[in-house]
Amino acid sequence: MYDSIIRTTVPLIVAVLLGQAARVGLDLDPGAVTSIVTTVIGAVYYTAARALEQHMPTAGRVLLSAGLATRAPEYHRPR
């Protein structure tokens, strides 16, 4: 469970940081800009990192978990 939490949280943190960086110098409603930019950047970042993980597993794990998770999470069906 730790790995899945890390892999979800790291892209969100990256998205918030990039969203704040994109806001610099813009004269727009801060709440709306932050929400929209954070969501879009988070989705793009996660998609790109997952795609990279398919070809370069180590690089994908670093981008998705900042190197804190040692493997991709495994999901099992409940019995």
PDB file of N, CA and C in Angstrom:
ATOM      1  N   MET A   1       0.818  -1.181   0.000  1.00  0.00           N
ATOM      2  CA  MET A   1       0.000   0.000   0.000  1.00  0.00           C
ATOM      3  C   MET A   1       0.872   1.260   0.000  1.00  0.00           C
ATOM      4  N   TYR A   2       1.989   1.226   0.672  1.00  0.00           N
ATOM      5  CA  TYR A   2       2.894   2.376   0.734  1.00  0.00           C
ATOM      6  C   TYR A   2       3.286   2.820  -0.673  1.00  0.00           C
ATOM      7  N   ASP A   3       3.639   1.858  -1.542  1.00  0.00           N
ATOM      8  CA  ASP A   3       4.074   2.192  -2.898  1.00  0.00           C
ATOM      9  C   ASP A   3       2.978   2.917  -3.680  1.00  0.00           C
ATOM     10  N   SER A   4       1.738   2.464  -3.558  1.00  0.00           N
ATOM     11  CA  SER A   4       0.655   3.112  -4.306  1.00  0.00           C
ATOM     12  C   SER A   4       0.393   4.523  -3.786  1.00  0.00           C
ATOM     13  N   ILE A   5       0.533   4.724  -2.486  1.00  0.00           N
ATOM     14  CA  ILE A   5       0.332   6.062  -1.918  1.00  0.00           C
ATOM     15  C   ILE A   5       1.426   7.004  -2.410  1.00  0.00           C
ATOM     16  N   ILE A   6       2.666   6.554  -2.377  1.00  0.00           N
ATOM     17  CA  ILE A   6       3.783   7.373  -2.848  1.00  0.00           C
ATOM     18  C   ILE A   6       3.604   7.702  -4.322  1.00  0.00           C
ATOM     19  N   ARG A   7       3.246   6.700  -5.131  1.00  0.00           N
ATOM     20  CA  ARG A   7       3.122   6.899  -6.574  1.00  0.00           C
ATOM     21  C   ARG A   7       1.944   7.808  -6.925  1.00  0.00           C
ATOM     22  N   THR A   8       1.000   7.969  -6.038  1.00  0.00           N
ATOM     23  CA  THR A   8      -0.104   8.897  -6.267  1.00  0.00           C
ATOM     24  C   THR A   8       0.263  10.294  -5.774  1.00  0.00           C
ATOM     25  N   THR A   9       0.954  10.373  -4.677  1.00  0.00           N
ATOM     26  CA  THR A   9       1.264  11.648  -4.054  1.00  0.00           C
ATOM     27  C   THR A   9       2.352  12.432  -4.789  1.00  0.00           C
ATOM     28  N   VAL A  10       3.404  11.771  -5.220  1.00  0.00           N
ATOM     29  CA  VAL A  10       4.512  12.475  -5.875  1.00  0.00           C
ATOM     30  C   VAL A  10       4.047  13.230  -7.129  1.00  0.00           C
ATOM     31  N   PRO A  11       3.262  12.613  -8.053  1.00  0.00           N
ATOM     32  CA  PRO A  11       2.805  13.397  -9.206  1.00  0.00           C
ATOM     33  C   PRO A  11       1.956  14.604  -8.807  1.00  0.00           C
ATOM     34  N   LEU A  12       1.180  14.490  -7.746  1.00  0.00           N
ATOM     35  CA  LEU A  12       0.380  15.627  -7.296  1.00  0.00           C
ATOM     36  C   LEU A  12       1.267  16.756  -6.766  1.00  0.00           C
ATOM     37  N   ILE A  13       2.300  16.400  -6.036  1.00  0.00           N
ATOM     38  CA  ILE A  13       3.227  17.413  -5.529  1.00  0.00           C
ATOM     39  C   ILE A  13       3.927  18.113  -6.684  1.00  0.00           C
ATOM     40  N   VAL A  14       4.384  17.334  -7.656  1.00  0.00           N
ATOM     41  CA  VAL A  14       5.034  17.921  -8.833  1.00  0.00           C
ATOM     42  C   VAL A  14       4.055  18.845  -9.555  1.00  0.00           C
ATOM     43  N   ALA A  15       2.802  18.417  -9.700  1.00  0.00           N
ATOM     44  CA  ALA A  15       1.795  19.229 -10.393  1.00  0.00           C
ATOM     45  C   ALA A  15       1.550  20.543  -9.663  1.00  0.00           C
ATOM     46  N   VAL A  16       1.456  20.510  -8.348  1.00  0.00           N
ATOM     47  CA  VAL A  16       1.237  21.744  -7.583  1.00  0.00           C
ATOM     48  C   VAL A  16       2.422  22.694  -7.754  1.00  0.00           C
ATOM     49  N   LEU A  17       3.634  22.158  -7.668  1.00  0.00           N
ATOM     50  CA  LEU A  17       4.820  23.006  -7.828  1.00  0.00           C
ATOM     51  C   LEU A  17       4.881  23.623  -9.219  1.00  0.00           C
ATOM     52  N   LEU A  18       4.613  22.835 -10.249  1.00  0.00           N
ATOM     53  CA  LEU A  18       4.626  23.361 -11.611  1.00  0.00           C
ATOM     54  C   LEU A  18       3.465  24.326 -11.845  1.00  0.00           C
ATOM     55  N   GLY A  19       2.327  24.044 -11.241  1.00  0.00           N
ATOM     56  CA  GLY A  19       1.178  24.938 -11.356  1.00  0.00           C
ATOM     57  C   GLY A  19       1.471  26.298 -10.731  1.00  0.00           C
ATOM     58  N   GLN A  20       2.120  26.294  -9.586  1.00  0.00           N
ATOM     59  CA  GLN A  20       2.490  27.551  -8.946  1.00  0.00           C
ATOM     60  C   GLN A  20       3.505  28.312  -9.804  1.00  0.00           C
ATOM     61  N   ALA A  21       4.424  27.583 -10.402  1.00  0.00           N
ATOM     62  CA  ALA A  21       5.414  28.214 -11.274  1.00  0.00           C
ATOM     63  C   ALA A  21       4.742  28.839 -12.497  1.00  0.00           C
ATOM     64  N   ALA A  22       3.721  28.177 -13.041  1.00  0.00           N
ATOM     65  CA  ALA A  22       3.025  28.696 -14.222  1.00  0.00           C
ATOM     66  C   ALA A  22       2.220  29.950 -13.895  1.00  0.00           C
ATOM     67  N   ARG A  23       1.821  30.104 -12.653  1.00  0.00           N
ATOM     68  CA  ARG A  23       1.020  31.251 -12.230  1.00  0.00           C
ATOM     69  C   ARG A  23       1.810  32.534 -12.127  1.00  0.00           C
ATOM     70  N   VAL A  24       3.106  32.424 -11.998  1.00  0.00           N
ATOM     71  CA  VAL A  24       3.949  33.604 -11.807  1.00  0.00           C
ATOM     72  C   VAL A  24       3.793  34.554 -12.995  1.00  0.00           C
ATOM     73  N   GLY A  25       3.456  35.771 -12.705  1.00  0.00           N
ATOM     74  CA  GLY A  25       3.353  36.783 -13.750  1.00  0.00           C
ATOM     75  C   GLY A  25       2.002  36.844 -14.451  1.00  0.00           C
ATOM     76  N   LEU A  26       1.070  35.951 -14.137  1.00  0.00           N
ATOM     77  CA  LEU A  26      -0.244  35.981 -14.782  1.00  0.00           C
ATOM     78  C   LEU A  26      -1.225  36.740 -13.896  1.00  0.00           C
ATOM     79  N   ASP A  27      -2.101  37.523 -14.501  1.00  0.00           N
ATOM     80  CA  ASP A  27      -3.097  38.276 -13.749  1.00  0.00           C
ATOM     81  C   ASP A  27      -4.454  37.583 -13.882  1.00  0.00           C
ATOM     82  N   LEU A  28      -4.562  36.407 -13.271  1.00  0.00           N
ATOM     83  CA  LEU A  28      -5.796  35.616 -13.317  1.00  0.00           C
ATOM     84  C   LEU A  28      -6.197  35.247 -11.899  1.00  0.00           C
ATOM     85  N   ASP A  29      -7.447  34.823 -11.749  1.00  0.00           N
ATOM     86  CA  ASP A  29      -7.922  34.366 -10.442  1.00  0.00           C
ATOM     87  C   ASP A  29      -7.045  33.207  -9.973  1.00  0.00           C
ATOM     88  N   PRO A  30      -6.339  33.362  -8.875  1.00  0.00           N
ATOM     89  CA  PRO A  30      -5.383  32.344  -8.428  1.00  0.00           C
ATOM     90  C   PRO A  30      -6.011  30.968  -8.168  1.00  0.00           C
ATOM     91  N   GLY A  31      -7.195  30.943  -7.599  1.00  0.00           N
ATOM     92  CA  GLY A  31      -7.831  29.657  -7.296  1.00  0.00           C
ATOM     93  C   GLY A  31      -8.163  28.866  -8.544  1.00  0.00           C
ATOM     94  N   ALA A  32      -8.748  29.522  -9.518  1.00  0.00           N
ATOM     95  CA  ALA A  32      -9.132  28.845 -10.757  1.00  0.00           C
ATOM     96  C   ALA A  32      -7.908  28.370 -11.526  1.00  0.00           C
ATOM     97  N   VAL A  33      -6.915  29.230 -11.629  1.00  0.00           N
ATOM     98  CA  VAL A  33      -5.702  28.870 -12.362  1.00  0.00           C
ATOM     99  C   VAL A  33      -5.021  27.675 -11.699  1.00  0.00           C
ATOM    100  N   THR A  34      -4.896  27.738 -10.391  1.00  0.00           N
ATOM    101  CA  THR A  34      -4.232  26.649  -9.673  1.00  0.00           C
ATOM    102  C   THR A  34      -4.968  25.335  -9.866  1.00  0.00           C
ATOM    103  N   SER A  35      -6.278  25.343  -9.756  1.00  0.00           N
ATOM    104  CA  SER A  35      -7.056  24.113  -9.919  1.00  0.00           C
ATOM    105  C   SER A  35      -6.912  23.515 -11.311  1.00  0.00           C
ATOM    106  N   ILE A  36      -7.070  24.346 -12.311  1.00  0.00           N
ATOM    107  CA  ILE A  36      -7.012  23.864 -13.692  1.00  0.00           C
ATOM    108  C   ILE A  36      -5.604  23.396 -14.051  1.00  0.00           C
ATOM    109  N   VAL A  37      -4.633  24.235 -13.765  1.00  0.00           N
ATOM    110  CA  VAL A  37      -3.253  23.901 -14.127  1.00  0.00           C
ATOM    111  C   VAL A  37      -2.768  22.673 -13.355  1.00  0.00           C
ATOM    112  N   THR A  38      -3.103  22.581 -12.085  1.00  0.00           N
ATOM    113  CA  THR A  38      -2.677  21.439 -11.286  1.00  0.00           C
ATOM    114  C   THR A  38      -3.258  20.136 -11.828  1.00  0.00           C
ATOM    115  N   THR A  39      -4.520  20.144 -12.170  1.00  0.00           N
ATOM    116  CA  THR A  39      -5.161  18.948 -12.704  1.00  0.00           C
ATOM    117  C   THR A  39      -4.552  18.534 -14.040  1.00  0.00           C
ATOM    118  N   VAL A  40      -4.382  19.481 -14.934  1.00  0.00           N
ATOM    119  CA  VAL A  40      -3.834  19.176 -16.260  1.00  0.00           C
ATOM    120  C   VAL A  40      -2.386  18.707 -16.157  1.00  0.00           C
ATOM    121  N   ILE A  41      -1.576  19.433 -15.414  1.00  0.00           N
ATOM    122  CA  ILE A  41      -0.172  19.055 -15.288  1.00  0.00           C
ATOM    123  C   ILE A  41      -0.039  17.700 -14.586  1.00  0.00           C
ATOM    124  N   GLY A  42      -0.840  17.476 -13.571  1.00  0.00           N
ATOM    125  CA  GLY A  42      -0.794  16.188 -12.871  1.00  0.00           C
ATOM    126  C   GLY A  42      -1.134  15.026 -13.787  1.00  0.00           C
ATOM    127  N   ALA A  43      -2.159  15.188 -14.598  1.00  0.00           N
ATOM    128  CA  ALA A  43      -2.557  14.121 -15.523  1.00  0.00           C
ATOM    129  C   ALA A  43      -1.490  13.886 -16.592  1.00  0.00           C
ATOM    130  N   VAL A  44      -0.944  14.950 -17.130  1.00  0.00           N
ATOM    131  CA  VAL A  44       0.097  14.818 -18.161  1.00  0.00           C
ATOM    132  C   VAL A  44       1.357  14.194 -17.565  1.00  0.00           C
ATOM    133  N   TYR A  45       1.754  14.662 -16.402  1.00  0.00           N
ATOM    134  CA  TYR A  45       2.954  14.129 -15.751  1.00  0.00           C
ATOM    135  C   TYR A  45       2.798  12.640 -15.461  1.00  0.00           C
ATOM    136  N   TYR A  46       1.671  12.259 -14.882  1.00  0.00           N
ATOM    137  CA  TYR A  46       1.443  10.856 -14.541  1.00  0.00           C
ATOM    138  C   TYR A  46       1.418   9.978 -15.796  1.00  0.00           C
ATOM    139  N   THR A  47       0.736  10.443 -16.831  1.00  0.00           N
ATOM    140  CA  THR A  47       0.658   9.679 -18.079  1.00  0.00           C
ATOM    141  C   THR A  47       2.043   9.505 -18.706  1.00  0.00           C
ATOM    142  N   ALA A  48       2.810  10.569 -18.741  1.00  0.00           N
ATOM    143  CA  ALA A  48       4.155  10.494 -19.320  1.00  0.00           C
ATOM    144  C   ALA A  48       5.064   9.583 -18.499  1.00  0.00           C
ATOM    145  N   ALA A  49       4.989   9.687 -17.186  1.00  0.00           N
ATOM    146  CA  ALA A  49       5.830   8.845 -16.336  1.00  0.00           C
ATOM    147  C   ALA A  49       5.446   7.376 -16.443  1.00  0.00           C
ATOM    148  N   ARG A  50       4.145   7.088 -16.526  1.00  0.00           N
ATOM    149  CA  ARG A  50       3.699   5.690 -16.683  1.00  0.00           C
ATOM    150  C   ARG A  50       4.149   5.146 -18.033  1.00  0.00           C
ATOM    151  N   ALA A  51       4.074   5.967 -19.085  1.00  0.00           N
ATOM    152  CA  ALA A  51       4.521   5.520 -20.403  1.00  0.00           C
ATOM    153  C   ALA A  51       6.030   5.266 -20.387  1.00  0.00           C
ATOM    154  N   LEU A  52       6.783   6.154 -19.753  1.00  0.00           N
ATOM    155  CA  LEU A  52       8.225   5.959 -19.650  1.00  0.00           C
ATOM    156  C   LEU A  52       8.549   4.704 -18.853  1.00  0.00           C
ATOM    157  N   GLU A  53       7.770   4.441 -17.823  1.00  0.00           N
ATOM    158  CA  GLU A  53       7.998   3.266 -16.978  1.00  0.00           C
ATOM    159  C   GLU A  53       7.889   1.965 -17.768  1.00  0.00           C
ATOM    160  N   GLN A  54       7.091   1.954 -18.819  1.00  0.00           N
ATOM    161  CA  GLN A  54       6.945   0.757 -19.640  1.00  0.00           C
ATOM    162  C   GLN A  54       8.246   0.423 -20.370  1.00  0.00           C
ATOM    163  N   HIS A  55       9.015   1.447 -20.727  1.00  0.00           N
ATOM    164  CA  HIS A  55      10.258   1.257 -21.480  1.00  0.00           C
ATOM    165  C   HIS A  55      11.499   1.338 -20.598  1.00  0.00           C
ATOM    166  N   MET A  56      11.435   2.140 -19.569  1.00  0.00           N
ATOM    167  CA  MET A  56      12.562   2.322 -18.651  1.00  0.00           C
ATOM    168  C   MET A  56      12.028   2.267 -17.221  1.00  0.00           C
ATOM    169  N   PRO A  57      11.840   1.060 -16.675  1.00  0.00           N
ATOM    170  CA  PRO A  57      11.201   0.914 -15.363  1.00  0.00           C
ATOM    171  C   PRO A  57      11.830   1.748 -14.248  1.00  0.00           C
ATOM    172  N   THR A  58      13.130   1.827 -14.199  1.00  0.00           N
ATOM    173  CA  THR A  58      13.774   2.581 -13.124  1.00  0.00           C
ATOM    174  C   THR A  58      13.460   4.068 -13.224  1.00  0.00           C
ATOM    175  N   ALA A  59      13.528   4.614 -14.426  1.00  0.00           N
ATOM    176  CA  ALA A  59      13.227   6.039 -14.617  1.00  0.00           C
ATOM    177  C   ALA A  59      11.771   6.335 -14.251  1.00  0.00           C
ATOM    178  N   GLY A  60      10.864   5.470 -14.652  1.00  0.00           N
ATOM    179  CA  GLY A  60       9.453   5.662 -14.316  1.00  0.00           C
ATOM    180  C   GLY A  60       9.215   5.638 -12.822  1.00  0.00           C
ATOM    181  N   ARG A  61       9.866   4.697 -12.136  1.00  0.00           N
ATOM    182  CA  ARG A  61       9.701   4.624 -10.681  1.00  0.00           C
ATOM    183  C   ARG A  61      10.228   5.879  -9.999  1.00  0.00           C
ATOM    184  N   VAL A  62      11.341   6.397 -10.484  1.00  0.00           N
ATOM    185  CA  VAL A  62      11.893   7.621  -9.888  1.00  0.00           C
ATOM    186  C   VAL A  62      10.934   8.792 -10.109  1.00  0.00           C
ATOM    187  N   LEU A  63      10.400   8.930 -11.308  1.00  0.00           N
ATOM    188  CA  LEU A  63       9.481  10.034 -11.599  1.00  0.00           C
ATOM    189  C   LEU A  63       8.166   9.907 -10.840  1.00  0.00           C
ATOM    190  N   LEU A  64       7.691   8.693 -10.627  1.00  0.00           N
ATOM    191  CA  LEU A  64       6.403   8.503  -9.969  1.00  0.00           C
ATOM    192  C   LEU A  64       6.491   8.457  -8.450  1.00  0.00           C
ATOM    193  N   SER A  65       7.646   8.109  -7.919  1.00  0.00           N
ATOM    194  CA  SER A  65       7.726   7.964  -6.471  1.00  0.00           C
ATOM    195  C   SER A  65       8.938   8.652  -5.865  1.00  0.00           C
ATOM    196  N   ALA A  66       9.625   9.457  -6.647  1.00  0.00           N
ATOM    197  CA  ALA A  66      10.833  10.149  -6.195  1.00  0.00           C
ATOM    198  C   ALA A  66      11.863   9.160  -5.659  1.00  0.00           C
ATOM    199  N   GLY A  67      11.809   7.925  -6.163  1.00  0.00           N
ATOM    200  CA  GLY A  67      12.754   6.894  -5.746  1.00  0.00           C
ATOM    201  C   GLY A  67      12.427   6.251  -4.411  1.00  0.00           C
ATOM    202  N   LEU A  68      11.307   6.616  -3.797  1.00  0.00           N
ATOM    203  CA  LEU A  68      10.950   6.070  -2.483  1.00  0.00           C
ATOM    204  C   LEU A  68      10.344   4.671  -2.567  1.00  0.00           C
ATOM    205  N   ALA A  69       9.672   4.364  -3.656  1.00  0.00           N
ATOM    206  CA  ALA A  69       9.097   3.032  -3.852  1.00  0.00           C
ATOM    207  C   ALA A  69      10.078   2.213  -4.684  1.00  0.00           C
ATOM    208  N   THR A  70      10.294   0.993  -4.301  1.00  0.00           N
ATOM    209  CA  THR A  70      11.276   0.169  -4.999  1.00  0.00           C
ATOM    210  C   THR A  70      10.676  -0.623  -6.150  1.00  0.00           C
ATOM    211  N   ARG A  71       9.362  -0.682  -6.222  1.00  0.00           N
ATOM    212  CA  ARG A  71       8.720  -1.433  -7.308  1.00  0.00           C
ATOM    213  C   ARG A  71       7.338  -0.862  -7.586  1.00  0.00           C
ATOM    214  N   ALA A  72       6.791  -1.235  -8.727  1.00  0.00           N
ATOM    215  CA  ALA A  72       5.429  -0.821  -9.049  1.00  0.00           C
ATOM    216  C   ALA A  72       4.455  -1.577  -8.154  1.00  0.00           C
ATOM    217  N   PRO A  73       3.373  -0.931  -7.754  1.00  0.00           N
ATOM    218  CA  PRO A  73       2.403  -1.633  -6.905  1.00  0.00           C
ATOM    219  C   PRO A  73       1.742  -2.766  -7.664  1.00  0.00           C
ATOM    220  N   GLU A  74       1.379  -3.790  -6.947  1.00  0.00           N
ATOM    221  CA  GLU A  74       0.651  -4.920  -7.527  1.00  0.00           C
ATOM    222  C   GLU A  74      -0.748  -4.931  -6.947  1.00  0.00           C
ATOM    223  N   TYR A  75      -1.719  -5.083  -7.818  1.00  0.00           N
ATOM    224  CA  TYR A  75      -3.102  -5.093  -7.378  1.00  0.00           C
ATOM    225  C   TYR A  75      -3.668  -6.491  -7.578  1.00  0.00           C
ATOM    226  N   HIS A  76      -4.315  -7.010  -6.557  1.00  0.00           N
ATOM    227  CA  HIS A  76      -4.893  -8.353  -6.606  1.00  0.00           C
ATOM    228  C   HIS A  76      -6.385  -8.264  -6.379  1.00  0.00           C
ATOM    229  N   ARG A  77      -7.108  -9.132  -7.070  1.00  0.00           N
ATOM    230  CA  ARG A  77      -8.554  -9.194  -6.861  1.00  0.00           C
ATOM    231  C   ARG A  77      -8.866  -9.797  -5.498  1.00  0.00           C
ATOM    232  N   PRO A  78      -9.818  -9.220  -4.810  1.00  0.00           N
ATOM    233  CA  PRO A  78     -10.213  -9.839  -3.528  1.00  0.00           C
ATOM    234  C   PRO A  78     -10.877 -11.192  -3.779  1.00  0.00           C
ATOM    235  N   ARG A  79     -10.646 -12.079  -2.888  1.00  0.00           N
ATOM    236  CA  ARG A  79     -11.239 -13.428  -3.066  1.00  0.00           C
ATOM    237  C   ARG A  79     -12.475 -13.586  -2.260  1.00  0.00           C
TER     238      ARG A  79
END
